[in-house]
Amino acid sequence: MIEESLLQDRWKGKTIENLKIGEPTAGSDLEVHWYRYSGEYEVSDLNIRYICSNLIVKLFKEDSSTTDWKLDWKEKGICRQIAGNLNETSP
């Protein structure tokens, strides 16, 4: 779910690799229970590679009776290029 969201929003047409997500922190706001995750990942686009750290996302259900989880992005990662043409800028 997290990888799909990154590919749709920020890295369309790219490949996410080495997605590492840590253990969640659980909490609730009023009646909404959530899990906060942090992590890092790599992105490849042909011969250009980025490493992205400080990913922070909260997963929650708007209604406890639903099975659908929603994402609330706090940070999609701070990315820096590690291979390829180093003059390229990250999206």
N, C-alpha and C. Protein backbone atom coordinates (compact mmCIF):
# COMPACT_ATOMS: atom_id res chain seq x y z
N MET A 1 0.82 -1.19 0.00
CA MET A 1 0.00 0.00 0.00
C MET A 1 0.88 1.27 0.00
N ILE A 2 1.91 1.29 0.81
CA ILE A 2 2.82 2.44 0.88
C ILE A 2 3.57 2.57 -0.44
N GLU A 3 4.08 1.46 -0.95
CA GLU A 3 4.82 1.48 -2.22
C GLU A 3 3.93 1.95 -3.36
N GLU A 4 2.70 1.44 -3.42
CA GLU A 4 1.76 1.85 -4.47
C GLU A 4 1.51 3.35 -4.43
N SER A 5 1.36 3.90 -3.24
CA SER A 5 1.11 5.33 -3.10
C SER A 5 2.31 6.15 -3.56
N LEU A 6 3.52 5.72 -3.22
CA LEU A 6 4.72 6.42 -3.67
C LEU A 6 4.81 6.41 -5.20
N LEU A 7 4.50 5.27 -5.81
CA LEU A 7 4.58 5.16 -7.27
C LEU A 7 3.52 6.01 -7.96
N GLN A 8 2.35 6.15 -7.36
CA GLN A 8 1.29 6.95 -7.96
C GLN A 8 1.57 8.44 -7.82
N ASP A 9 2.03 8.84 -6.65
CA ASP A 9 2.14 10.26 -6.36
C ASP A 9 3.48 10.87 -6.77
N ARG A 10 4.56 10.30 -6.33
CA ARG A 10 5.86 10.96 -6.47
C ARG A 10 6.76 10.35 -7.52
N TRP A 11 6.71 9.05 -7.66
CA TRP A 11 7.68 8.34 -8.50
C TRP A 11 7.00 7.59 -9.64
N LYS A 12 6.03 8.18 -10.28
CA LYS A 12 5.30 7.53 -11.37
C LYS A 12 6.28 7.10 -12.47
N GLY A 13 6.17 5.83 -12.89
CA GLY A 13 7.02 5.30 -13.93
C GLY A 13 8.40 4.84 -13.47
N LYS A 14 8.67 4.93 -12.17
CA LYS A 14 9.96 4.53 -11.62
C LYS A 14 9.80 3.19 -10.88
N THR A 15 10.88 2.69 -10.32
CA THR A 15 10.85 1.43 -9.57
C THR A 15 11.30 1.69 -8.14
N ILE A 16 10.49 1.26 -7.17
CA ILE A 16 10.84 1.36 -5.75
C ILE A 16 11.57 0.07 -5.37
N GLU A 17 12.71 0.22 -4.71
CA GLU A 17 13.49 -0.94 -4.27
C GLU A 17 13.89 -0.76 -2.81
N ASN A 18 14.14 -1.87 -2.16
CA ASN A 18 14.65 -1.88 -0.78
C ASN A 18 13.82 -1.03 0.17
N LEU A 19 12.51 -1.14 0.07
CA LEU A 19 11.62 -0.42 1.00
C LEU A 19 11.76 -1.05 2.38
N LYS A 20 12.19 -0.25 3.34
CA LYS A 20 12.39 -0.73 4.71
C LYS A 20 11.51 0.11 5.63
N ILE A 21 10.57 -0.55 6.28
CA ILE A 21 9.63 0.13 7.18
C ILE A 21 9.85 -0.40 8.58
N GLY A 22 9.99 0.50 9.55
CA GLY A 22 10.20 0.10 10.93
C GLY A 22 8.90 -0.33 11.62
N GLU A 23 9.02 -0.72 12.86
CA GLU A 23 7.86 -1.11 13.66
C GLU A 23 6.96 0.11 13.86
N PRO A 24 5.64 -0.09 13.85
CA PRO A 24 4.73 1.05 13.97
C PRO A 24 4.60 1.57 15.39
N THR A 25 4.22 2.84 15.46
CA THR A 25 3.78 3.45 16.70
C THR A 25 2.27 3.55 16.60
N ALA A 26 1.54 3.05 17.58
CA ALA A 26 0.08 3.08 17.53
C ALA A 26 -0.46 4.24 18.36
N GLY A 27 -1.61 4.73 17.96
CA GLY A 27 -2.25 5.81 18.70
C GLY A 27 -3.68 5.99 18.24
N SER A 28 -4.33 7.01 18.76
CA SER A 28 -5.69 7.32 18.34
C SER A 28 -5.97 8.80 18.54
N ASP A 29 -6.80 9.32 17.66
CA ASP A 29 -7.31 10.69 17.74
C ASP A 29 -8.83 10.55 17.82
N LEU A 30 -9.38 10.89 18.97
CA LEU A 30 -10.81 10.67 19.21
C LEU A 30 -11.12 9.20 18.97
N GLU A 31 -11.90 8.87 17.95
CA GLU A 31 -12.26 7.47 17.72
C GLU A 31 -11.49 6.86 16.56
N VAL A 32 -10.53 7.57 16.00
CA VAL A 32 -9.76 7.07 14.86
C VAL A 32 -8.44 6.49 15.36
N HIS A 33 -8.29 5.18 15.19
CA HIS A 33 -7.05 4.51 15.56
C HIS A 33 -6.10 4.55 14.37
N TRP A 34 -4.81 4.73 14.65
CA TRP A 34 -3.84 4.84 13.58
C TRP A 34 -2.53 4.16 13.96
N TYR A 35 -1.73 3.91 12.94
CA TYR A 35 -0.38 3.37 13.08
C TYR A 35 0.56 4.27 12.29
N ARG A 36 1.62 4.73 12.93
CA ARG A 36 2.59 5.61 12.28
C ARG A 36 3.85 4.80 11.97
N TYR A 37 4.27 4.86 10.71
CA TYR A 37 5.44 4.13 10.26
C TYR A 37 6.50 5.10 9.75
N SER A 38 7.75 4.71 9.89
CA SER A 38 8.85 5.47 9.30
C SER A 38 9.78 4.49 8.61
N GLY A 39 10.55 5.00 7.67
CA GLY A 39 11.45 4.10 6.96
C GLY A 39 12.25 4.80 5.89
N GLU A 40 12.75 3.98 4.97
CA GLU A 40 13.57 4.48 3.87
C GLU A 40 13.37 3.57 2.67
N TYR A 41 13.80 4.04 1.50
CA TYR A 41 13.67 3.26 0.28
C TYR A 41 14.62 3.80 -0.77
N GLU A 42 14.76 3.03 -1.87
CA GLU A 42 15.56 3.46 -3.01
C GLU A 42 14.65 3.50 -4.23
N VAL A 43 14.99 4.37 -5.16
CA VAL A 43 14.24 4.51 -6.41
C VAL A 43 15.21 4.37 -7.56
N SER A 44 14.81 3.61 -8.58
CA SER A 44 15.65 3.53 -9.77
C SER A 44 14.83 3.94 -10.99
N ASP A 45 15.50 4.64 -11.88
CA ASP A 45 14.90 5.09 -13.13
C ASP A 45 15.99 4.94 -14.19
N LEU A 46 15.97 3.80 -14.88
CA LEU A 46 17.02 3.45 -15.82
C LEU A 46 18.36 3.44 -15.10
N ASN A 47 19.26 4.38 -15.38
CA ASN A 47 20.57 4.35 -14.72
C ASN A 47 20.69 5.37 -13.60
N ILE A 48 19.60 6.00 -13.22
CA ILE A 48 19.62 6.99 -12.13
C ILE A 48 19.03 6.34 -10.88
N ARG A 49 19.70 6.51 -9.74
CA ARG A 49 19.22 5.93 -8.47
C ARG A 49 19.17 7.02 -7.41
N TYR A 50 18.14 6.94 -6.59
CA TYR A 50 17.99 7.84 -5.45
C TYR A 50 17.85 6.99 -4.20
N ILE A 51 18.34 7.50 -3.08
CA ILE A 51 18.07 6.89 -1.78
C ILE A 51 17.25 7.92 -1.00
N CYS A 52 16.17 7.46 -0.42
CA CYS A 52 15.24 8.35 0.28
C CYS A 52 15.09 7.89 1.72
N SER A 53 15.31 8.80 2.65
CA SER A 53 15.20 8.48 4.07
C SER A 53 14.14 9.38 4.71
N ASN A 54 13.81 9.09 5.94
CA ASN A 54 12.84 9.87 6.72
C ASN A 54 11.42 9.82 6.16
N LEU A 55 11.05 8.68 5.57
CA LEU A 55 9.67 8.47 5.16
C LEU A 55 8.82 8.36 6.42
N ILE A 56 7.71 9.09 6.47
CA ILE A 56 6.81 9.03 7.62
C ILE A 56 5.37 9.01 7.10
N VAL A 57 4.63 7.97 7.45
CA VAL A 57 3.25 7.85 6.99
C VAL A 57 2.39 7.27 8.12
N LYS A 58 1.15 7.72 8.16
CA LYS A 58 0.19 7.23 9.15
C LYS A 58 -0.90 6.46 8.42
N LEU A 59 -1.17 5.22 8.85
CA LEU A 59 -2.27 4.43 8.31
C LEU A 59 -3.42 4.47 9.29
N PHE A 60 -4.64 4.68 8.78
CA PHE A 60 -5.79 4.78 9.66
C PHE A 60 -7.05 4.33 8.94
N LYS A 61 -8.08 4.05 9.72
CA LYS A 61 -9.41 3.75 9.20
C LYS A 61 -10.34 4.87 9.64
N GLU A 62 -11.07 5.44 8.69
CA GLU A 62 -11.99 6.52 9.03
C GLU A 62 -13.16 6.01 9.88
N ASP A 63 -13.49 4.75 9.68
CA ASP A 63 -14.61 4.14 10.39
C ASP A 63 -14.17 2.75 10.84
N SER A 64 -14.37 2.42 12.08
CA SER A 64 -13.90 1.13 12.60
C SER A 64 -14.58 -0.06 11.92
N SER A 65 -15.72 0.15 11.27
CA SER A 65 -16.41 -0.96 10.63
C SER A 65 -15.89 -1.23 9.21
N THR A 66 -15.07 -0.34 8.67
CA THR A 66 -14.55 -0.54 7.33
C THR A 66 -13.27 -1.37 7.35
N THR A 67 -12.97 -1.99 6.23
CA THR A 67 -11.73 -2.75 6.12
C THR A 67 -10.67 -1.98 5.34
N ASP A 68 -11.04 -0.83 4.80
CA ASP A 68 -10.13 -0.03 3.99
C ASP A 68 -9.26 0.89 4.84
N TRP A 69 -7.96 0.78 4.64
CA TRP A 69 -7.00 1.65 5.31
C TRP A 69 -6.72 2.85 4.43
N LYS A 70 -6.48 3.98 5.04
CA LYS A 70 -6.12 5.21 4.33
C LYS A 70 -4.72 5.63 4.77
N LEU A 71 -4.04 6.37 3.89
CA LEU A 71 -2.70 6.87 4.19
C LEU A 71 -2.74 8.37 4.43
N ASP A 72 -2.00 8.82 5.41
CA ASP A 72 -1.80 10.24 5.68
C ASP A 72 -0.29 10.46 5.68
N TRP A 73 0.22 11.01 4.58
CA TRP A 73 1.67 11.21 4.46
C TRP A 73 2.12 12.41 5.25
N LYS A 74 3.13 12.22 6.08
CA LYS A 74 3.78 13.33 6.79
C LYS A 74 5.03 13.74 6.02
N GLU A 75 5.72 12.74 5.45
CA GLU A 75 6.94 12.99 4.66
C GLU A 75 7.16 11.79 3.74
N LYS A 76 7.31 12.04 2.44
CA LYS A 76 7.53 10.94 1.48
C LYS A 76 9.00 10.63 1.29
N GLY A 77 9.81 11.18 2.15
CA GLY A 77 11.24 10.89 2.11
C GLY A 77 12.05 12.06 1.61
N ILE A 78 13.20 12.21 2.20
CA ILE A 78 14.18 13.20 1.75
C ILE A 78 15.16 12.41 0.89
N CYS A 79 15.22 12.77 -0.39
CA CYS A 79 15.94 11.94 -1.36
C CYS A 79 17.19 12.62 -1.88
N ARG A 80 18.19 11.78 -2.12
CA ARG A 80 19.41 12.28 -2.75
C ARG A 80 19.86 11.25 -3.77
N GLN A 81 20.40 11.75 -4.85
CA GLN A 81 20.84 10.88 -5.93
C GLN A 81 22.15 10.20 -5.56
N ILE A 82 22.23 8.89 -5.83
CA ILE A 82 23.44 8.14 -5.49
C ILE A 82 24.13 7.54 -6.71
N ALA A 83 23.46 7.56 -7.88
CA ALA A 83 24.07 7.01 -9.09
C ALA A 83 23.43 7.65 -10.31
N GLY A 84 24.14 7.62 -11.43
CA GLY A 84 23.64 8.20 -12.67
C GLY A 84 24.16 9.61 -12.83
N ASN A 85 23.49 10.40 -13.65
CA ASN A 85 23.88 11.79 -13.89
C ASN A 85 23.59 12.59 -12.64
N LEU A 86 24.60 12.96 -11.90
CA LEU A 86 24.41 13.63 -10.61
C LEU A 86 23.92 15.06 -10.74
N ASN A 87 23.74 15.56 -11.96
CA ASN A 87 23.18 16.90 -12.15
C ASN A 87 21.66 16.88 -12.17
N GLU A 88 21.06 15.69 -12.20
CA GLU A 88 19.60 15.57 -12.16
C GLU A 88 19.10 15.97 -10.78
N THR A 89 17.89 16.52 -10.72
CA THR A 89 17.29 16.87 -9.43
C THR A 89 16.21 15.85 -9.10
N SER A 90 16.01 15.58 -7.81
CA SER A 90 14.98 14.62 -7.42
C SER A 90 13.62 15.28 -7.46
N PRO A 91 12.59 14.50 -7.78
CA PRO A 91 11.22 15.06 -7.81
C PRO A 91 10.75 15.43 -6.42
